[in-house]
């Protein structure tokens, strides 16, 4: 539940800011 709430919040913020990526895409970019 905590993971889902965190992902939902974070994705909402990325969308609100117009970054044009998903949380999963951000994680991949950060790992790379």
ModelCIF file with pLDDT and N, C-alpha, C, O atoms, coordinates in Angstrom:
data_MODEL
#
_entry.id   MODEL 
#
_entity.id                         1 
_entity.type                       polymer 
_entity.pdbx_number_of_molecules   1 
#
_entity_poly.entity_id                      1 
_entity_poly.type                           'polypeptide(L)' 
_entity_poly.nstd_linkage                   no 
_entity_poly.nstd_monomer                   no 
_entity_poly.pdbx_seq_one_letter_code       
;(UNK)(UNK)(UNK)(UNK)(UNK)(UNK)(UNK)(UNK)(UNK)(UNK)(UNK)(UNK)(UNK)(UNK)(UNK)(UNK)
(UNK)(UNK)(UNK)(UNK)(UNK)(UNK)(UNK)(UNK)(UNK)(UNK)(UNK)(UNK)(UNK)(UNK)(UNK)(UNK)
;
_entity_poly.pdbx_seq_one_letter_code_can   XXXXXXXXXXXXXXXXXXXXXXXXXXXXXXXX 
_entity_poly.pdbx_strand_id                 A 
#
loop_
_entity_poly_seq.entity_id 
_entity_poly_seq.num 
_entity_poly_seq.mon_id 
_entity_poly_seq.hetero 
1 1  UNK n 
1 2  UNK n 
1 3  UNK n 
1 4  UNK n 
1 5  UNK n 
1 6  UNK n 
1 7  UNK n 
1 8  UNK n 
1 9  UNK n 
1 10 UNK n 
1 11 UNK n 
1 12 UNK n 
1 13 UNK n 
1 14 UNK n 
1 15 UNK n 
1 16 UNK n 
1 17 UNK n 
1 18 UNK n 
1 19 UNK n 
1 20 UNK n 
1 21 UNK n 
1 22 UNK n 
1 23 UNK n 
1 24 UNK n 
1 25 UNK n 
1 26 UNK n 
1 27 UNK n 
1 28 UNK n 
1 29 UNK n 
1 30 UNK n 
1 31 UNK n 
1 32 UNK n 
#
_struct_asym.id          A 
_struct_asym.entity_id   1 
#
loop_
_ma_qa_metric.id 
_ma_qa_metric.mode 
_ma_qa_metric.name 
_ma_qa_metric.software_group_id 
_ma_qa_metric.type 
1 global pLDDT . pLDDT 
2 local  pLDDT . pLDDT 
#
_ma_qa_metric_global.metric_id      1 
_ma_qa_metric_global.metric_value   94.47 
_ma_qa_metric_global.model_id       1 
_ma_qa_metric_global.ordinal_id     1 
#
loop_
_ma_qa_metric_local.label_asym_id 
_ma_qa_metric_local.label_comp_id 
_ma_qa_metric_local.label_seq_id 
_ma_qa_metric_local.metric_id 
_ma_qa_metric_local.metric_value 
_ma_qa_metric_local.model_id 
_ma_qa_metric_local.ordinal_id 
A UNK 1  2 96.00 1 1  
A UNK 2  2 95.00 1 2  
A UNK 3  2 94.00 1 3  
A UNK 4  2 95.00 1 4  
A UNK 5  2 95.00 1 5  
A UNK 6  2 93.00 1 6  
A UNK 7  2 92.00 1 7  
A UNK 8  2 95.00 1 8  
A UNK 9  2 93.00 1 9  
A UNK 10 2 92.00 1 10 
A UNK 11 2 94.00 1 11 
A UNK 12 2 94.00 1 12 
A UNK 13 2 92.00 1 13 
A UNK 14 2 93.00 1 14 
A UNK 15 2 95.00 1 15 
A UNK 16 2 93.00 1 16 
A UNK 17 2 91.00 1 17 
A UNK 18 2 94.00 1 18 
A UNK 19 2 94.00 1 19 
A UNK 20 2 95.00 1 20 
A UNK 21 2 96.00 1 21 
A UNK 22 2 96.00 1 22 
A UNK 23 2 94.00 1 23 
A UNK 24 2 94.00 1 24 
A UNK 25 2 96.00 1 25 
A UNK 26 2 96.00 1 26 
A UNK 27 2 95.00 1 27 
A UNK 28 2 96.00 1 28 
A UNK 29 2 97.00 1 29 
A UNK 30 2 96.00 1 30 
A UNK 31 2 96.00 1 31 
A UNK 32 2 96.00 1 32 
#
loop_
_atom_site.group_PDB 
_atom_site.id 
_atom_site.type_symbol 
_atom_site.label_atom_id 
_atom_site.label_alt_id 
_atom_site.label_comp_id 
_atom_site.label_asym_id 
_atom_site.label_entity_id 
_atom_site.label_seq_id 
_atom_site.pdbx_PDB_ins_code 
_atom_site.Cartn_x 
_atom_site.Cartn_y 
_atom_site.Cartn_z 
_atom_site.occupancy 
_atom_site.B_iso_or_equiv 
_atom_site.pdbx_formal_charge 
_atom_site.auth_seq_id 
_atom_site.auth_comp_id 
_atom_site.auth_asym_id 
_atom_site.auth_atom_id 
_atom_site.pdbx_PDB_model_num 
ATOM 1   N N  . UNK A 1 1  ? 0.827  -1.204 0.000   1.00 96.00 ? 1  UNK A N  1 
ATOM 2   C CA . UNK A 1 1  ? 0.000  0.000  0.000   1.00 96.00 ? 1  UNK A CA 1 
ATOM 3   C C  . UNK A 1 1  ? 0.869  1.266  0.000   1.00 96.00 ? 1  UNK A C  1 
ATOM 4   O O  . UNK A 1 1  ? 0.593  2.216  -0.732  1.00 96.00 ? 1  UNK A O  1 
ATOM 5   N N  . UNK A 1 2  ? 1.909  1.267  0.819   1.00 95.00 ? 2  UNK A N  1 
ATOM 6   C CA . UNK A 1 2  ? 2.820  2.413  0.882   1.00 95.00 ? 2  UNK A CA 1 
ATOM 7   C C  . UNK A 1 2  ? 3.498  2.642  -0.461  1.00 95.00 ? 2  UNK A C  1 
ATOM 8   O O  . UNK A 1 2  ? 3.626  3.782  -0.907  1.00 95.00 ? 2  UNK A O  1 
ATOM 9   N N  . UNK A 1 3  ? 3.927  1.575  -1.100  1.00 94.00 ? 3  UNK A N  1 
ATOM 10  C CA . UNK A 1 3  ? 4.557  1.680  -2.416  1.00 94.00 ? 3  UNK A CA 1 
ATOM 11  C C  . UNK A 1 3  ? 3.598  2.267  -3.431  1.00 94.00 ? 3  UNK A C  1 
ATOM 12  O O  . UNK A 1 3  ? 3.976  3.131  -4.221  1.00 94.00 ? 3  UNK A O  1 
ATOM 13  N N  . UNK A 1 4  ? 2.356  1.801  -3.413  1.00 95.00 ? 4  UNK A N  1 
ATOM 14  C CA . UNK A 1 4  ? 1.355  2.312  -4.358  1.00 95.00 ? 4  UNK A CA 1 
ATOM 15  C C  . UNK A 1 4  ? 1.049  3.782  -4.116  1.00 95.00 ? 4  UNK A C  1 
ATOM 16  O O  . UNK A 1 4  ? 0.936  4.556  -5.066  1.00 95.00 ? 4  UNK A O  1 
ATOM 17  N N  . UNK A 1 5  ? 0.914  4.171  -2.860  1.00 95.00 ? 5  UNK A N  1 
ATOM 18  C CA . UNK A 1 5  ? 0.646  5.571  -2.536  1.00 95.00 ? 5  UNK A CA 1 
ATOM 19  C C  . UNK A 1 5  ? 1.817  6.444  -2.993  1.00 95.00 ? 5  UNK A C  1 
ATOM 20  O O  . UNK A 1 5  ? 1.607  7.510  -3.570  1.00 95.00 ? 5  UNK A O  1 
ATOM 21  N N  . UNK A 1 6  ? 3.042  5.996  -2.737  1.00 93.00 ? 6  UNK A N  1 
ATOM 22  C CA . UNK A 1 6  ? 4.229  6.758  -3.135  1.00 93.00 ? 6  UNK A CA 1 
ATOM 23  C C  . UNK A 1 6  ? 4.304  6.902  -4.652  1.00 93.00 ? 6  UNK A C  1 
ATOM 24  O O  . UNK A 1 6  ? 4.569  7.995  -5.152  1.00 93.00 ? 6  UNK A O  1 
ATOM 25  N N  . UNK A 1 7  ? 4.073  5.813  -5.393  1.00 92.00 ? 7  UNK A N  1 
ATOM 26  C CA . UNK A 1 7  ? 4.119  5.876  -6.854  1.00 92.00 ? 7  UNK A CA 1 
ATOM 27  C C  . UNK A 1 7  ? 3.030  6.779  -7.403  1.00 92.00 ? 7  UNK A C  1 
ATOM 28  O O  . UNK A 1 7  ? 3.267  7.560  -8.324  1.00 92.00 ? 7  UNK A O  1 
ATOM 29  N N  . UNK A 1 8  ? 1.827  6.671  -6.832  1.00 95.00 ? 8  UNK A N  1 
ATOM 30  C CA . UNK A 1 8  ? 0.712  7.501  -7.293  1.00 95.00 ? 8  UNK A CA 1 
ATOM 31  C C  . UNK A 1 8  ? 1.015  8.984  -7.079  1.00 95.00 ? 8  UNK A C  1 
ATOM 32  O O  . UNK A 1 8  ? 0.804  9.807  -7.970  1.00 95.00 ? 8  UNK A O  1 
ATOM 33  N N  . UNK A 1 9  ? 1.511  9.309  -5.890  1.00 93.00 ? 9  UNK A N  1 
ATOM 34  C CA . UNK A 1 9  ? 1.860  10.706 -5.596  1.00 93.00 ? 9  UNK A CA 1 
ATOM 35  C C  . UNK A 1 9  ? 2.959  11.200 -6.535  1.00 93.00 ? 9  UNK A C  1 
ATOM 36  O O  . UNK A 1 9  ? 2.841  12.266 -7.139  1.00 93.00 ? 9  UNK A O  1 
ATOM 37  N N  . UNK A 1 10 ? 4.021  10.414 -6.646  1.00 92.00 ? 10 UNK A N  1 
ATOM 38  C CA . UNK A 1 10 ? 5.160  10.828 -7.460  1.00 92.00 ? 10 UNK A CA 1 
ATOM 39  C C  . UNK A 1 10 ? 4.785  10.972 -8.932  1.00 92.00 ? 10 UNK A C  1 
ATOM 40  O O  . UNK A 1 10 ? 5.205  11.921 -9.594  1.00 92.00 ? 10 UNK A O  1 
ATOM 41  N N  . UNK A 1 11 ? 3.992  10.025 -9.444  1.00 94.00 ? 11 UNK A N  1 
ATOM 42  C CA . UNK A 1 11 ? 3.575  10.126 -10.844 1.00 94.00 ? 11 UNK A CA 1 
ATOM 43  C C  . UNK A 1 11 ? 2.714  11.359 -11.055 1.00 94.00 ? 11 UNK A C  1 
ATOM 44  O O  . UNK A 1 11 ? 2.831  12.036 -12.076 1.00 94.00 ? 11 UNK A O  1 
ATOM 45  N N  . UNK A 1 12 ? 1.853  11.650 -10.098 1.00 94.00 ? 12 UNK A N  1 
ATOM 46  C CA . UNK A 1 12 ? 1.038  12.860 -10.184 1.00 94.00 ? 12 UNK A CA 1 
ATOM 47  C C  . UNK A 1 12 ? 1.895  14.113 -10.241 1.00 94.00 ? 12 UNK A C  1 
ATOM 48  O O  . UNK A 1 12 ? 1.594  15.044 -10.987 1.00 94.00 ? 12 UNK A O  1 
ATOM 49  N N  . UNK A 1 13 ? 2.950  14.135 -9.461  1.00 92.00 ? 13 UNK A N  1 
ATOM 50  C CA . UNK A 1 13 ? 3.848  15.293 -9.464  1.00 92.00 ? 13 UNK A CA 1 
ATOM 51  C C  . UNK A 1 13 ? 4.615  15.406 -10.784 1.00 92.00 ? 13 UNK A C  1 
ATOM 52  O O  . UNK A 1 13 ? 4.762  16.503 -11.322 1.00 92.00 ? 13 UNK A O  1 
ATOM 53  N N  . UNK A 1 14 ? 5.101  14.284 -11.304 1.00 93.00 ? 14 UNK A N  1 
ATOM 54  C CA . UNK A 1 14 ? 5.812  14.320 -12.590 1.00 93.00 ? 14 UNK A CA 1 
ATOM 55  C C  . UNK A 1 14 ? 4.876  14.806 -13.698 1.00 93.00 ? 14 UNK A C  1 
ATOM 56  O O  . UNK A 1 14 ? 5.283  15.561 -14.580 1.00 93.00 ? 14 UNK A O  1 
ATOM 57  N N  . UNK A 1 15 ? 3.632  14.367 -13.642 1.00 95.00 ? 15 UNK A N  1 
ATOM 58  C CA . UNK A 1 15 ? 2.642  14.791 -14.630 1.00 95.00 ? 15 UNK A CA 1 
ATOM 59  C C  . UNK A 1 15 ? 2.322  16.272 -14.451 1.00 95.00 ? 15 UNK A C  1 
ATOM 60  O O  . UNK A 1 15 ? 2.297  17.026 -15.424 1.00 95.00 ? 15 UNK A O  1 
ATOM 61  N N  . UNK A 1 16 ? 2.080  16.685 -13.218 1.00 93.00 ? 16 UNK A N  1 
ATOM 62  C CA . UNK A 1 16 ? 1.753  18.091 -12.926 1.00 93.00 ? 16 UNK A CA 1 
ATOM 63  C C  . UNK A 1 16 ? 2.858  19.027 -13.406 1.00 93.00 ? 16 UNK A C  1 
ATOM 64  O O  . UNK A 1 16 ? 2.587  20.125 -13.891 1.00 93.00 ? 16 UNK A O  1 
ATOM 65  N N  . UNK A 1 17 ? 4.101  18.584 -13.267 1.00 91.00 ? 17 UNK A N  1 
ATOM 66  C CA . UNK A 1 17 ? 5.241  19.402 -13.666 1.00 91.00 ? 17 UNK A CA 1 
ATOM 67  C C  . UNK A 1 17 ? 5.535  19.316 -15.170 1.00 91.00 ? 17 UNK A C  1 
ATOM 68  O O  . UNK A 1 17 ? 6.401  20.026 -15.683 1.00 91.00 ? 17 UNK A O  1 
ATOM 69  N N  . UNK A 1 18 ? 4.812  18.451 -15.859 1.00 94.00 ? 18 UNK A N  1 
ATOM 70  C CA . UNK A 1 18 ? 4.982  18.338 -17.304 1.00 94.00 ? 18 UNK A CA 1 
ATOM 71  C C  . UNK A 1 18 ? 6.291  17.712 -17.739 1.00 94.00 ? 18 UNK A C  1 
ATOM 72  O O  . UNK A 1 18 ? 6.814  18.055 -18.799 1.00 94.00 ? 18 UNK A O  1 
ATOM 73  N N  . UNK A 1 19 ? 6.833  16.797 -16.942 1.00 94.00 ? 19 UNK A N  1 
ATOM 74  C CA . UNK A 1 19 ? 8.121  16.199 -17.284 1.00 94.00 ? 19 UNK A CA 1 
ATOM 75  C C  . UNK A 1 19 ? 8.012  15.165 -18.403 1.00 94.00 ? 19 UNK A C  1 
ATOM 76  O O  . UNK A 1 19 ? 9.009  14.857 -19.055 1.00 94.00 ? 19 UNK A O  1 
ATOM 77  N N  . UNK A 1 20 ? 6.827  14.633 -18.630 1.00 95.00 ? 20 UNK A N  1 
ATOM 78  C CA . UNK A 1 20 ? 6.623  13.732 -19.754 1.00 95.00 ? 20 UNK A CA 1 
ATOM 79  C C  . UNK A 1 20 ? 7.225  12.354 -19.608 1.00 95.00 ? 20 UNK A C  1 
ATOM 80  O O  . UNK A 1 20 ? 7.492  11.683 -20.606 1.00 95.00 ? 20 UNK A O  1 
ATOM 81  N N  . UNK A 1 21 ? 7.445  11.916 -18.365 1.00 96.00 ? 21 UNK A N  1 
ATOM 82  C CA . UNK A 1 21 ? 7.963  10.561 -18.140 1.00 96.00 ? 21 UNK A CA 1 
ATOM 83  C C  . UNK A 1 21 ? 7.179  9.915  -17.004 1.00 96.00 ? 21 UNK A C  1 
ATOM 84  O O  . UNK A 1 21 ? 6.500  10.587 -16.227 1.00 96.00 ? 21 UNK A O  1 
ATOM 85  N N  . UNK A 1 22 ? 7.294  8.590  -16.930 1.00 96.00 ? 22 UNK A N  1 
ATOM 86  C CA . UNK A 1 22 ? 6.675  7.844  -15.840 1.00 96.00 ? 22 UNK A CA 1 
ATOM 87  C C  . UNK A 1 22 ? 7.703  7.619  -14.738 1.00 96.00 ? 22 UNK A C  1 
ATOM 88  O O  . UNK A 1 22 ? 8.901  7.832  -14.925 1.00 96.00 ? 22 UNK A O  1 
ATOM 89  N N  . UNK A 1 23 ? 7.205  7.186  -13.593 1.00 94.00 ? 23 UNK A N  1 
ATOM 90  C CA . UNK A 1 23 ? 8.094  6.848  -12.480 1.00 94.00 ? 23 UNK A CA 1 
ATOM 91  C C  . UNK A 1 23 ? 9.072  5.757  -12.902 1.00 94.00 ? 23 UNK A C  1 
ATOM 92  O O  . UNK A 1 23 ? 10.263 5.831  -12.599 1.00 94.00 ? 23 UNK A O  1 
ATOM 93  N N  . UNK A 1 24 ? 8.561  4.737  -13.606 1.00 94.00 ? 24 UNK A N  1 
ATOM 94  C CA . UNK A 1 24 ? 9.422  3.646  -14.051 1.00 94.00 ? 24 UNK A CA 1 
ATOM 95  C C  . UNK A 1 24 ? 10.529 4.161  -14.975 1.00 94.00 ? 24 UNK A C  1 
ATOM 96  O O  . UNK A 1 24 ? 11.673 3.715  -14.883 1.00 94.00 ? 24 UNK A O  1 
ATOM 97  N N  . UNK A 1 25 ? 10.191 5.097  -15.862 1.00 96.00 ? 25 UNK A N  1 
ATOM 98  C CA . UNK A 1 25 ? 11.190 5.678  -16.757 1.00 96.00 ? 25 UNK A CA 1 
ATOM 99  C C  . UNK A 1 25 ? 12.218 6.473  -15.959 1.00 96.00 ? 25 UNK A C  1 
ATOM 100 O O  . UNK A 1 25 ? 13.413 6.403  -16.247 1.00 96.00 ? 25 UNK A O  1 
ATOM 101 N N  . UNK A 1 26 ? 11.766 7.229  -14.959 1.00 96.00 ? 26 UNK A N  1 
ATOM 102 C CA . UNK A 1 26 ? 12.704 7.979  -14.116 1.00 96.00 ? 26 UNK A CA 1 
ATOM 103 C C  . UNK A 1 26 ? 13.667 7.028  -13.419 1.00 96.00 ? 26 UNK A C  1 
ATOM 104 O O  . UNK A 1 26 ? 14.871 7.280  -13.385 1.00 96.00 ? 26 UNK A O  1 
ATOM 105 N N  . UNK A 1 27 ? 13.148 5.939  -12.862 1.00 95.00 ? 27 UNK A N  1 
ATOM 106 C CA . UNK A 1 27 ? 13.989 4.979  -12.149 1.00 95.00 ? 27 UNK A CA 1 
ATOM 107 C C  . UNK A 1 27 ? 15.064 4.426  -13.082 1.00 95.00 ? 27 UNK A C  1 
ATOM 108 O O  . UNK A 1 27 ? 16.226 4.301  -12.694 1.00 95.00 ? 27 UNK A O  1 
ATOM 109 N N  . UNK A 1 28 ? 14.677 4.099  -14.300 1.00 96.00 ? 28 UNK A N  1 
ATOM 110 C CA . UNK A 1 28 ? 15.642 3.582  -15.275 1.00 96.00 ? 28 UNK A CA 1 
ATOM 111 C C  . UNK A 1 28 ? 16.700 4.645  -15.585 1.00 96.00 ? 28 UNK A C  1 
ATOM 112 O O  . UNK A 1 28 ? 17.892 4.339  -15.621 1.00 96.00 ? 28 UNK A O  1 
ATOM 113 N N  . UNK A 1 29 ? 16.276 5.882  -15.807 1.00 97.00 ? 29 UNK A N  1 
ATOM 114 C CA . UNK A 1 29 ? 17.239 6.965  -16.066 1.00 97.00 ? 29 UNK A CA 1 
ATOM 115 C C  . UNK A 1 29 ? 18.209 7.128  -14.896 1.00 97.00 ? 29 UNK A C  1 
ATOM 116 O O  . UNK A 1 29 ? 19.413 7.281  -15.098 1.00 97.00 ? 29 UNK A O  1 
ATOM 117 N N  . UNK A 1 30 ? 17.683 7.095  -13.688 1.00 96.00 ? 30 UNK A N  1 
ATOM 118 C CA . UNK A 1 30 ? 18.525 7.273  -12.504 1.00 96.00 ? 30 UNK A CA 1 
ATOM 119 C C  . UNK A 1 30 ? 19.532 6.127  -12.361 1.00 96.00 ? 30 UNK A C  1 
ATOM 120 O O  . UNK A 1 30 ? 20.700 6.361  -12.052 1.00 96.00 ? 30 UNK A O  1 
ATOM 121 N N  . UNK A 1 31 ? 19.082 4.898  -12.585 1.00 96.00 ? 31 UNK A N  1 
ATOM 122 C CA . UNK A 1 31 ? 19.997 3.759  -12.507 1.00 96.00 ? 31 UNK A CA 1 
ATOM 123 C C  . UNK A 1 31 ? 21.096 3.889  -13.555 1.00 96.00 ? 31 UNK A C  1 
ATOM 124 O O  . UNK A 1 31 ? 22.268 3.661  -13.257 1.00 96.00 ? 31 UNK A O  1 
ATOM 125 N N  . UNK A 1 32 ? 20.728 4.251  -14.767 1.00 96.00 ? 32 UNK A N  1 
ATOM 126 C CA . UNK A 1 32 ? 21.728 4.414  -15.828 1.00 96.00 ? 32 UNK A CA 1 
ATOM 127 C C  . UNK A 1 32 ? 22.707 5.524  -15.470 1.00 96.00 ? 32 UNK A C  1 
ATOM 128 O O  . UNK A 1 32 ? 23.624 5.811  -16.240 1.00 96.00 ? 32 UNK A O  1 
#
